[in-house]
Amino acid sequence: MLADSTSAGARELPERDETLDLLEDGIREAHRKVQEEQVYDAENGKVRIKWIRALAYGSNVHRQIQNDRYLEELSERLDHVEQRESDI
């Protein structure tokens, strides 16, 4: 949930972990909809395709955020190694 950060009512952006949690919830819901929805007519088919797109999009964004986290951690580890080597 987003919290008010100022008296003007501006909203803070969620932290990375909160964003990942929200994406995971959305991915689970989209996956459930894709699996459970019955296609009886063309309109239901269109809705199902939209859920499939939402599932793919959410999964891709989740993957990108995880990759960003990995790269940041890798950069920190490299900085640490370089610092140790410069201390020698």
PDB file of N, CA and C in Angstrom:
ATOM      1  N   MET A   1       0.848  -1.175   0.000  1.00  0.00           N
ATOM      2  CA  MET A   1       0.000   0.000   0.000  1.00  0.00           C
ATOM      3  C   MET A   1       0.892   1.234   0.000  1.00  0.00           C
ATOM      4  N   LEU A   2       0.514   2.230  -0.735  1.00  0.00           N
ATOM      5  CA  LEU A   2       1.286   3.461  -0.828  1.00  0.00           C
ATOM      6  C   LEU A   2       0.934   4.373   0.332  1.00  0.00           C
ATOM      7  N   ALA A   3       1.942   5.041   0.865  1.00  0.00           N
ATOM      8  CA  ALA A   3       1.732   5.913   2.019  1.00  0.00           C
ATOM      9  C   ALA A   3       1.917   7.368   1.617  1.00  0.00           C
ATOM     10  N   ASP A   4       1.151   8.263   2.286  1.00  0.00           N
ATOM     11  CA  ASP A   4       1.339   9.697   2.063  1.00  0.00           C
ATOM     12  C   ASP A   4       2.676  10.106   2.641  1.00  0.00           C
ATOM     13  N   SER A   5       3.447  10.911   1.868  1.00  0.00           N
ATOM     14  CA  SER A   5       4.774  11.309   2.339  1.00  0.00           C
ATOM     15  C   SER A   5       4.852  12.782   2.709  1.00  0.00           C
ATOM     16  N   THR A   6       3.890  13.578   2.287  1.00  0.00           N
ATOM     17  CA  THR A   6       3.907  15.006   2.603  1.00  0.00           C
ATOM     18  C   THR A   6       2.502  15.459   2.951  1.00  0.00           C
ATOM     19  N   SER A   7       2.422  16.660   3.492  1.00  0.00           N
ATOM     20  CA  SER A   7       1.105  17.202   3.816  1.00  0.00           C
ATOM     21  C   SER A   7       0.308  17.500   2.553  1.00  0.00           C
ATOM     22  N   ALA A   8       0.999  17.649   1.419  1.00  0.00           N
ATOM     23  CA  ALA A   8       0.307  17.906   0.153  1.00  0.00           C
ATOM     24  C   ALA A   8      -0.333  16.647  -0.401  1.00  0.00           C
ATOM     25  N   GLY A   9      -0.068  15.501   0.269  1.00  0.00           N
ATOM     26  CA  GLY A   9      -0.700  14.275  -0.165  1.00  0.00           C
ATOM     27  C   GLY A   9       0.046  13.563  -1.278  1.00  0.00           C
ATOM     28  N   ALA A  10       1.289  13.955  -1.535  1.00  0.00           N
ATOM     29  CA  ALA A  10       2.076  13.255  -2.558  1.00  0.00           C
ATOM     30  C   ALA A  10       2.293  11.821  -2.112  1.00  0.00           C
ATOM     31  N   ARG A  11       2.337  10.914  -3.065  1.00  0.00           N
ATOM     32  CA  ARG A  11       2.499   9.504  -2.738  1.00  0.00           C
ATOM     33  C   ARG A  11       3.920   9.057  -3.031  1.00  0.00           C
ATOM     34  N   GLU A  12       4.451   8.227  -2.122  1.00  0.00           N
ATOM     35  CA  GLU A  12       5.759   7.629  -2.339  1.00  0.00           C
ATOM     36  C   GLU A  12       5.601   6.438  -3.275  1.00  0.00           C
ATOM     37  N   LEU A  13       6.628   6.199  -4.031  1.00  0.00           N
ATOM     38  CA  LEU A  13       6.627   4.997  -4.860  1.00  0.00           C
ATOM     39  C   LEU A  13       6.955   3.808  -3.976  1.00  0.00           C
ATOM     40  N   PRO A  14       6.378   2.649  -4.277  1.00  0.00           N
ATOM     41  CA  PRO A  14       6.690   1.477  -3.460  1.00  0.00           C
ATOM     42  C   PRO A  14       8.157   1.069  -3.637  1.00  0.00           C
ATOM     43  N   GLU A  15       8.733   0.487  -2.599  1.00  0.00           N
ATOM     44  CA  GLU A  15      10.094  -0.033  -2.667  1.00  0.00           C
ATOM     45  C   GLU A  15      10.114  -1.241  -3.601  1.00  0.00           C
ATOM     46  N   ARG A  16      11.325  -1.636  -3.985  1.00  0.00           N
ATOM     47  CA  ARG A  16      11.471  -2.734  -4.937  1.00  0.00           C
ATOM     48  C   ARG A  16      10.776  -4.013  -4.451  1.00  0.00           C
ATOM     49  N   ASP A  17      10.985  -4.375  -3.187  1.00  0.00           N
ATOM     50  CA  ASP A  17      10.380  -5.611  -2.688  1.00  0.00           C
ATOM     51  C   ASP A  17       8.854  -5.533  -2.697  1.00  0.00           C
ATOM     52  N   GLU A  18       8.330  -4.368  -2.358  1.00  0.00           N
ATOM     53  CA  GLU A  18       6.872  -4.191  -2.386  1.00  0.00           C
ATOM     54  C   GLU A  18       6.356  -4.275  -3.823  1.00  0.00           C
ATOM     55  N   THR A  19       7.087  -3.689  -4.738  1.00  0.00           N
ATOM     56  CA  THR A  19       6.712  -3.763  -6.155  1.00  0.00           C
ATOM     57  C   THR A  19       6.711  -5.208  -6.636  1.00  0.00           C
ATOM     58  N   LEU A  20       7.752  -5.948  -6.247  1.00  0.00           N
ATOM     59  CA  LEU A  20       7.811  -7.365  -6.631  1.00  0.00           C
ATOM     60  C   LEU A  20       6.638  -8.140  -6.038  1.00  0.00           C
ATOM     61  N   ASP A  21       6.285  -7.851  -4.791  1.00  0.00           N
ATOM     62  CA  ASP A  21       5.142  -8.515  -4.162  1.00  0.00           C
ATOM     63  C   ASP A  21       3.852  -8.212  -4.921  1.00  0.00           C
ATOM     64  N   LEU A  22       3.674  -6.949  -5.286  1.00  0.00           N
ATOM     65  CA  LEU A  22       2.474  -6.568  -6.041  1.00  0.00           C
ATOM     66  C   LEU A  22       2.437  -7.260  -7.397  1.00  0.00           C
ATOM     67  N   LEU A  23       3.578  -7.293  -8.060  1.00  0.00           N
ATOM     68  CA  LEU A  23       3.649  -7.978  -9.360  1.00  0.00           C
ATOM     69  C   LEU A  23       3.345  -9.461  -9.215  1.00  0.00           C
ATOM     70  N   GLU A  24       3.891 -10.078  -8.167  1.00  0.00           N
ATOM     71  CA  GLU A  24       3.637 -11.502  -7.948  1.00  0.00           C
ATOM     72  C   GLU A  24       2.159 -11.768  -7.718  1.00  0.00           C
ATOM     73  N   ASP A  25       1.492 -10.884  -6.973  1.00  0.00           N
ATOM     74  CA  ASP A  25       0.045 -11.019  -6.773  1.00  0.00           C
ATOM     75  C   ASP A  25      -0.686 -10.925  -8.108  1.00  0.00           C
ATOM     76  N   GLY A  26      -0.302  -9.942  -8.919  1.00  0.00           N
ATOM     77  CA  GLY A  26      -0.935  -9.765 -10.223  1.00  0.00           C
ATOM     78  C   GLY A  26      -0.666 -10.934 -11.157  1.00  0.00           C
ATOM     79  N   ILE A  27       0.545 -11.448 -11.115  1.00  0.00           N
ATOM     80  CA  ILE A  27       0.903 -12.597 -11.957  1.00  0.00           C
ATOM     81  C   ILE A  27       0.071 -13.812 -11.553  1.00  0.00           C
ATOM     82  N   ARG A  28      -0.055 -14.038 -10.236  1.00  0.00           N
ATOM     83  CA  ARG A  28      -0.869 -15.180  -9.767  1.00  0.00           C
ATOM     84  C   ARG A  28      -2.327 -15.037 -10.213  1.00  0.00           C
ATOM     85  N   GLU A  29      -2.860 -13.819 -10.077  1.00  0.00           N
ATOM     86  CA  GLU A  29      -4.262 -13.593 -10.474  1.00  0.00           C
ATOM     87  C   GLU A  29      -4.442 -13.788 -11.975  1.00  0.00           C
ATOM     88  N   ALA A  30      -3.527 -13.245 -12.764  1.00  0.00           N
ATOM     89  CA  ALA A  30      -3.623 -13.411 -14.216  1.00  0.00           C
ATOM     90  C   ALA A  30      -3.505 -14.888 -14.585  1.00  0.00           C
ATOM     91  N   HIS A  31      -2.607 -15.587 -13.930  1.00  0.00           N
ATOM     92  CA  HIS A  31      -2.439 -17.022 -14.206  1.00  0.00           C
ATOM     93  C   HIS A  31      -3.717 -17.788 -13.853  1.00  0.00           C
ATOM     94  N   ARG A  32      -4.314 -17.445 -12.715  1.00  0.00           N
ATOM     95  CA  ARG A  32      -5.568 -18.089 -12.312  1.00  0.00           C
ATOM     96  C   ARG A  32      -6.664 -17.829 -13.343  1.00  0.00           C
ATOM     97  N   LYS A  33      -6.761 -16.585 -13.782  1.00  0.00           N
ATOM     98  CA  LYS A  33      -7.778 -16.232 -14.776  1.00  0.00           C
ATOM     99  C   LYS A  33      -7.564 -16.986 -16.087  1.00  0.00           C
ATOM    100  N   VAL A  34      -6.316 -17.081 -16.519  1.00  0.00           N
ATOM    101  CA  VAL A  34      -6.010 -17.780 -17.769  1.00  0.00           C
ATOM    102  C   VAL A  34      -6.385 -19.254 -17.655  1.00  0.00           C
ATOM    103  N   GLN A  35      -6.090 -19.855 -16.505  1.00  0.00           N
ATOM    104  CA  GLN A  35      -6.367 -21.279 -16.331  1.00  0.00           C
ATOM    105  C   GLN A  35      -7.853 -21.576 -16.138  1.00  0.00           C
ATOM    106  N   GLU A  36      -8.548 -20.714 -15.402  1.00  0.00           N
ATOM    107  CA  GLU A  36      -9.919 -21.017 -15.012  1.00  0.00           C
ATOM    108  C   GLU A  36     -10.986 -20.503 -15.967  1.00  0.00           C
ATOM    109  N   GLU A  37     -10.689 -19.470 -16.720  1.00  0.00           N
ATOM    110  CA  GLU A  37     -11.697 -18.880 -17.587  1.00  0.00           C
ATOM    111  C   GLU A  37     -12.079 -19.839 -18.713  1.00  0.00           C
ATOM    112  N   GLN A  38     -13.371 -20.024 -18.861  1.00  0.00           N
ATOM    113  CA  GLN A  38     -13.888 -20.840 -19.954  1.00  0.00           C
ATOM    114  C   GLN A  38     -14.181 -19.926 -21.144  1.00  0.00           C
ATOM    115  N   VAL A  39     -13.864 -20.394 -22.322  1.00  0.00           N
ATOM    116  CA  VAL A  39     -14.104 -19.607 -23.525  1.00  0.00           C
ATOM    117  C   VAL A  39     -15.375 -20.138 -24.186  1.00  0.00           C
ATOM    118  N   TYR A  40     -16.463 -19.373 -24.031  1.00  0.00           N
ATOM    119  CA  TYR A  40     -17.746 -19.768 -24.607  1.00  0.00           C
ATOM    120  C   TYR A  40     -18.058 -19.003 -25.879  1.00  0.00           C
ATOM    121  N   ASP A  41     -17.477 -17.829 -25.999  1.00  0.00           N
ATOM    122  CA  ASP A  41     -17.759 -17.008 -27.170  1.00  0.00           C
ATOM    123  C   ASP A  41     -16.551 -16.137 -27.488  1.00  0.00           C
ATOM    124  N   ALA A  42     -16.662 -15.370 -28.547  1.00  0.00           N
ATOM    125  CA  ALA A  42     -15.543 -14.538 -28.992  1.00  0.00           C
ATOM    126  C   ALA A  42     -15.156 -13.496 -27.942  1.00  0.00           C
ATOM    127  N   GLU A  43     -16.135 -12.936 -27.234  1.00  0.00           N
ATOM    128  CA  GLU A  43     -15.836 -11.919 -26.222  1.00  0.00           C
ATOM    129  C   GLU A  43     -15.013 -12.515 -25.076  1.00  0.00           C
ATOM    130  N   ASN A  44     -15.385 -13.692 -24.618  1.00  0.00           N
ATOM    131  CA  ASN A  44     -14.600 -14.364 -23.576  1.00  0.00           C
ATOM    132  C   ASN A  44     -13.198 -14.680 -24.073  1.00  0.00           C
ATOM    133  N   GLY A  45     -13.079 -15.028 -25.344  1.00  0.00           N
ATOM    134  CA  GLY A  45     -11.772 -15.301 -25.931  1.00  0.00           C
ATOM    135  C   GLY A  45     -10.899 -14.058 -25.922  1.00  0.00           C
ATOM    136  N   LYS A  46     -11.496 -12.913 -26.220  1.00  0.00           N
ATOM    137  CA  LYS A  46     -10.737 -11.654 -26.201  1.00  0.00           C
ATOM    138  C   LYS A  46     -10.278 -11.315 -24.792  1.00  0.00           C
ATOM    139  N   VAL A  47     -11.135 -11.529 -23.816  1.00  0.00           N
ATOM    140  CA  VAL A  47     -10.781 -11.257 -22.426  1.00  0.00           C
ATOM    141  C   VAL A  47      -9.649 -12.186 -21.991  1.00  0.00           C
ATOM    142  N   ARG A  48      -9.731 -13.445 -22.384  1.00  0.00           N
ATOM    143  CA  ARG A  48      -8.686 -14.406 -22.033  1.00  0.00           C
ATOM    144  C   ARG A  48      -7.344 -13.994 -22.632  1.00  0.00           C
ATOM    145  N   ILE A  49      -7.359 -13.531 -23.862  1.00  0.00           N
ATOM    146  CA  ILE A  49      -6.128 -13.069 -24.510  1.00  0.00           C
ATOM    147  C   ILE A  49      -5.562 -11.868 -23.742  1.00  0.00           C
ATOM    148  N   LYS A  50      -6.411 -10.983 -23.258  1.00  0.00           N
ATOM    149  CA  LYS A  50      -5.938  -9.845 -22.460  1.00  0.00           C
ATOM    150  C   LYS A  50      -5.294 -10.311 -21.157  1.00  0.00           C
ATOM    151  N   TRP A  51      -5.868 -11.333 -20.525  1.00  0.00           N
ATOM    152  CA  TRP A  51      -5.265 -11.873 -19.310  1.00  0.00           C
ATOM    153  C   TRP A  51      -3.911 -12.515 -19.618  1.00  0.00           C
ATOM    154  N   ILE A  52      -3.807 -13.186 -20.741  1.00  0.00           N
ATOM    155  CA  ILE A  52      -2.532 -13.789 -21.149  1.00  0.00           C
ATOM    156  C   ILE A  52      -1.490 -12.694 -21.359  1.00  0.00           C
ATOM    157  N   ARG A  53      -1.881 -11.612 -21.999  1.00  0.00           N
ATOM    158  CA  ARG A  53      -0.958 -10.483 -22.196  1.00  0.00           C
ATOM    159  C   ARG A  53      -0.544  -9.872 -20.863  1.00  0.00           C
ATOM    160  N   ALA A  54      -1.497  -9.713 -19.944  1.00  0.00           N
ATOM    161  CA  ALA A  54      -1.183  -9.170 -18.624  1.00  0.00           C
ATOM    162  C   ALA A  54      -0.210 -10.088 -17.885  1.00  0.00           C
ATOM    163  N   LEU A  55      -0.418 -11.385 -18.002  1.00  0.00           N
ATOM    164  CA  LEU A  55       0.478 -12.359 -17.380  1.00  0.00           C
ATOM    165  C   LEU A  55       1.887 -12.239 -17.951  1.00  0.00           C
ATOM    166  N   ALA A  56       1.987 -12.166 -19.259  1.00  0.00           N
ATOM    167  CA  ALA A  56       3.298 -12.051 -19.907  1.00  0.00           C
ATOM    168  C   ALA A  56       3.975 -10.738 -19.538  1.00  0.00           C
ATOM    169  N   TYR A  57       3.245  -9.654 -19.541  1.00  0.00           N
ATOM    170  CA  TYR A  57       3.812  -8.346 -19.222  1.00  0.00           C
ATOM    171  C   TYR A  57       4.291  -8.305 -17.771  1.00  0.00           C
ATOM    172  N   GLY A  58       3.437  -8.746 -16.850  1.00  0.00           N
ATOM    173  CA  GLY A  58       3.819  -8.747 -15.440  1.00  0.00           C
ATOM    174  C   GLY A  58       5.029  -9.620 -15.178  1.00  0.00           C
ATOM    175  N   SER A  59       5.075 -10.770 -15.824  1.00  0.00           N
ATOM    176  CA  SER A  59       6.217 -11.674 -15.663  1.00  0.00           C
ATOM    177  C   SER A  59       7.496 -11.031 -16.180  1.00  0.00           C
ATOM    178  N   ASN A  60       7.405 -10.332 -17.299  1.00  0.00           N
ATOM    179  CA  ASN A  60       8.567  -9.673 -17.878  1.00  0.00           C
ATOM    180  C   ASN A  60       9.070  -8.544 -16.977  1.00  0.00           C
ATOM    181  N   VAL A  61       8.170  -7.734 -16.454  1.00  0.00           N
ATOM    182  CA  VAL A  61       8.569  -6.644 -15.564  1.00  0.00           C
ATOM    183  C   VAL A  61       9.208  -7.223 -14.299  1.00  0.00           C
ATOM    184  N   HIS A  62       8.634  -8.283 -13.765  1.00  0.00           N
ATOM    185  CA  HIS A  62       9.184  -8.940 -12.581  1.00  0.00           C
ATOM    186  C   HIS A  62      10.613  -9.412 -12.866  1.00  0.00           C
ATOM    187  N   ARG A  63      10.819 -10.037 -14.005  1.00  0.00           N
ATOM    188  CA  ARG A  63      12.147 -10.519 -14.398  1.00  0.00           C
ATOM    189  C   ARG A  63      13.128  -9.356 -14.511  1.00  0.00           C
ATOM    190  N   GLN A  64      12.709  -8.262 -15.107  1.00  0.00           N
ATOM    191  CA  GLN A  64      13.581  -7.096 -15.257  1.00  0.00           C
ATOM    192  C   GLN A  64      13.996  -6.518 -13.902  1.00  0.00           C
ATOM    193  N   ILE A  65      13.065  -6.453 -12.977  1.00  0.00           N
ATOM    194  CA  ILE A  65      13.382  -5.939 -11.646  1.00  0.00           C
ATOM    195  C   ILE A  65      14.361  -6.871 -10.939  1.00  0.00           C
ATOM    196  N   GLN A  66      14.152  -8.168 -11.073  1.00  0.00           N
ATOM    197  CA  GLN A  66      15.076  -9.132 -10.474  1.00  0.00           C
ATOM    198  C   GLN A  66      16.469  -8.995 -11.094  1.00  0.00           C
ATOM    199  N   ASN A  67      16.535  -8.814 -12.396  1.00  0.00           N
ATOM    200  CA  ASN A  67      17.828  -8.628 -13.069  1.00  0.00           C
ATOM    201  C   ASN A  67      18.511  -7.351 -12.590  1.00  0.00           C
ATOM    202  N   ASP A  68      17.743  -6.281 -12.419  1.00  0.00           N
ATOM    203  CA  ASP A  68      18.306  -5.025 -11.907  1.00  0.00           C
ATOM    204  C   ASP A  68      18.897  -5.235 -10.516  1.00  0.00           C
ATOM    205  N   ARG A  69      18.178  -5.968  -9.677  1.00  0.00           N
ATOM    206  CA  ARG A  69      18.672  -6.256  -8.326  1.00  0.00           C
ATOM    207  C   ARG A  69      19.983  -7.040  -8.407  1.00  0.00           C
ATOM    208  N   TYR A  70      20.015  -8.054  -9.253  1.00  0.00           N
ATOM    209  CA  TYR A  70      21.217  -8.873  -9.403  1.00  0.00           C
ATOM    210  C   TYR A  70      22.400  -8.017  -9.858  1.00  0.00           C
ATOM    211  N   LEU A  71      22.174  -7.146 -10.835  1.00  0.00           N
ATOM    212  CA  LEU A  71      23.259  -6.296 -11.329  1.00  0.00           C
ATOM    213  C   LEU A  71      23.753  -5.332 -10.260  1.00  0.00           C
ATOM    214  N   GLU A  72      22.852  -4.787  -9.461  1.00  0.00           N
ATOM    215  CA  GLU A  72      23.261  -3.898  -8.371  1.00  0.00           C
ATOM    216  C   GLU A  72      24.089  -4.652  -7.340  1.00  0.00           C
ATOM    217  N   GLU A  73      23.658  -5.864  -6.989  1.00  0.00           N
ATOM    218  CA  GLU A  73      24.410  -6.664  -6.030  1.00  0.00           C
ATOM    219  C   GLU A  73      25.777  -7.045  -6.585  1.00  0.00           C
ATOM    220  N   LEU A  74      25.821  -7.378  -7.852  1.00  0.00           N
ATOM    221  CA  LEU A  74      27.087  -7.720  -8.500  1.00  0.00           C
ATOM    222  C   LEU A  74      28.028  -6.522  -8.506  1.00  0.00           C
ATOM    223  N   SER A  75      27.489  -5.344  -8.779  1.00  0.00           N
ATOM    224  CA  SER A  75      28.292  -4.123  -8.772  1.00  0.00           C
ATOM    225  C   SER A  75      28.849  -3.844  -7.382  1.00  0.00           C
ATOM    226  N   GLU A  76      28.025  -4.042  -6.358  1.00  0.00           N
ATOM    227  CA  GLU A  76      28.487  -3.846  -4.984  1.00  0.00           C
ATOM    228  C   GLU A  76      29.602  -4.837  -4.638  1.00  0.00           C
ATOM    229  N   ARG A  77      29.455  -6.075  -5.046  1.00  0.00           N
ATOM    230  CA  ARG A  77      30.489  -7.080  -4.787  1.00  0.00           C
ATOM    231  C   ARG A  77      31.785  -6.711  -5.498  1.00  0.00           C
ATOM    232  N   LEU A  78      31.678  -6.248  -6.717  1.00  0.00           N
ATOM    233  CA  LEU A  78      32.861  -5.841  -7.476  1.00  0.00           C
ATOM    234  C   LEU A  78      33.549  -4.654  -6.795  1.00  0.00           C
ATOM    235  N   ASP A  79      32.758  -3.680  -6.360  1.00  0.00           N
ATOM    236  CA  ASP A  79      33.322  -2.537  -5.640  1.00  0.00           C
ATOM    237  C   ASP A  79      34.063  -2.999  -4.391  1.00  0.00           C
ATOM    238  N   HIS A  80      33.474  -3.946  -3.686  1.00  0.00           N
ATOM    239  CA  HIS A  80      34.094  -4.470  -2.467  1.00  0.00           C
ATOM    240  C   HIS A  80      35.431  -5.156  -2.792  1.00  0.00           C
ATOM    241  N   VAL A  81      35.461  -5.967  -3.829  1.00  0.00           N
ATOM    242  CA  VAL A  81      36.690  -6.653  -4.244  1.00  0.00           C
ATOM    243  C   VAL A  81      37.744  -5.630  -4.663  1.00  0.00           C
ATOM    244  N   GLU A  82      37.342  -4.638  -5.444  1.00  0.00           N
ATOM    245  CA  GLU A  82      38.285  -3.609  -5.871  1.00  0.00           C
ATOM    246  C   GLU A  82      38.834  -2.831  -4.680  1.00  0.00           C
ATOM    247  N   GLN A  83      37.987  -2.559  -3.703  1.00  0.00           N
ATOM    248  CA  GLN A  83      38.424  -1.851  -2.502  1.00  0.00           C
ATOM    249  C   GLN A  83      39.447  -2.690  -1.728  1.00  0.00           C
ATOM    250  N   ARG A  84      39.174  -3.974  -1.587  1.00  0.00           N
ATOM    251  CA  ARG A  84      40.118  -4.864  -0.888  1.00  0.00           C
ATOM    252  C   ARG A  84      41.446  -4.912  -1.604  1.00  0.00           C
ATOM    253  N   GLU A  85      41.428  -4.971  -2.946  1.00  0.00           N
ATOM    254  CA  GLU A  85      42.667  -5.026  -3.710  1.00  0.00           C
ATOM    255  C   GLU A  85      43.444  -3.722  -3.586  1.00  0.00           C
ATOM    256  N   SER A  86      42.765  -2.604  -3.522  1.00  0.00           N
ATOM    257  CA  SER A  86      43.470  -1.319  -3.409  1.00  0.00           C
ATOM    258  C   SER A  86      44.074  -1.145  -2.011  1.00  0.00           C
ATOM    259  N   ASP A  87      43.514  -1.856  -1.017  1.00  0.00           N
ATOM    260  CA  ASP A  87      44.046  -1.789   0.343  1.00  0.00           C
ATOM    261  C   ASP A  87      45.300  -2.640   0.523  1.00  0.00           C
ATOM    262  N   ILE A  88      45.555  -3.517  -0.436  1.00  0.00           N
ATOM    263  CA  ILE A  88      46.710  -4.425  -0.321  1.00  0.00           C
ATOM    264  C   ILE A  88      47.993  -3.720  -0.659  1.00  0.00           C
TER     265      ILE A  88
END
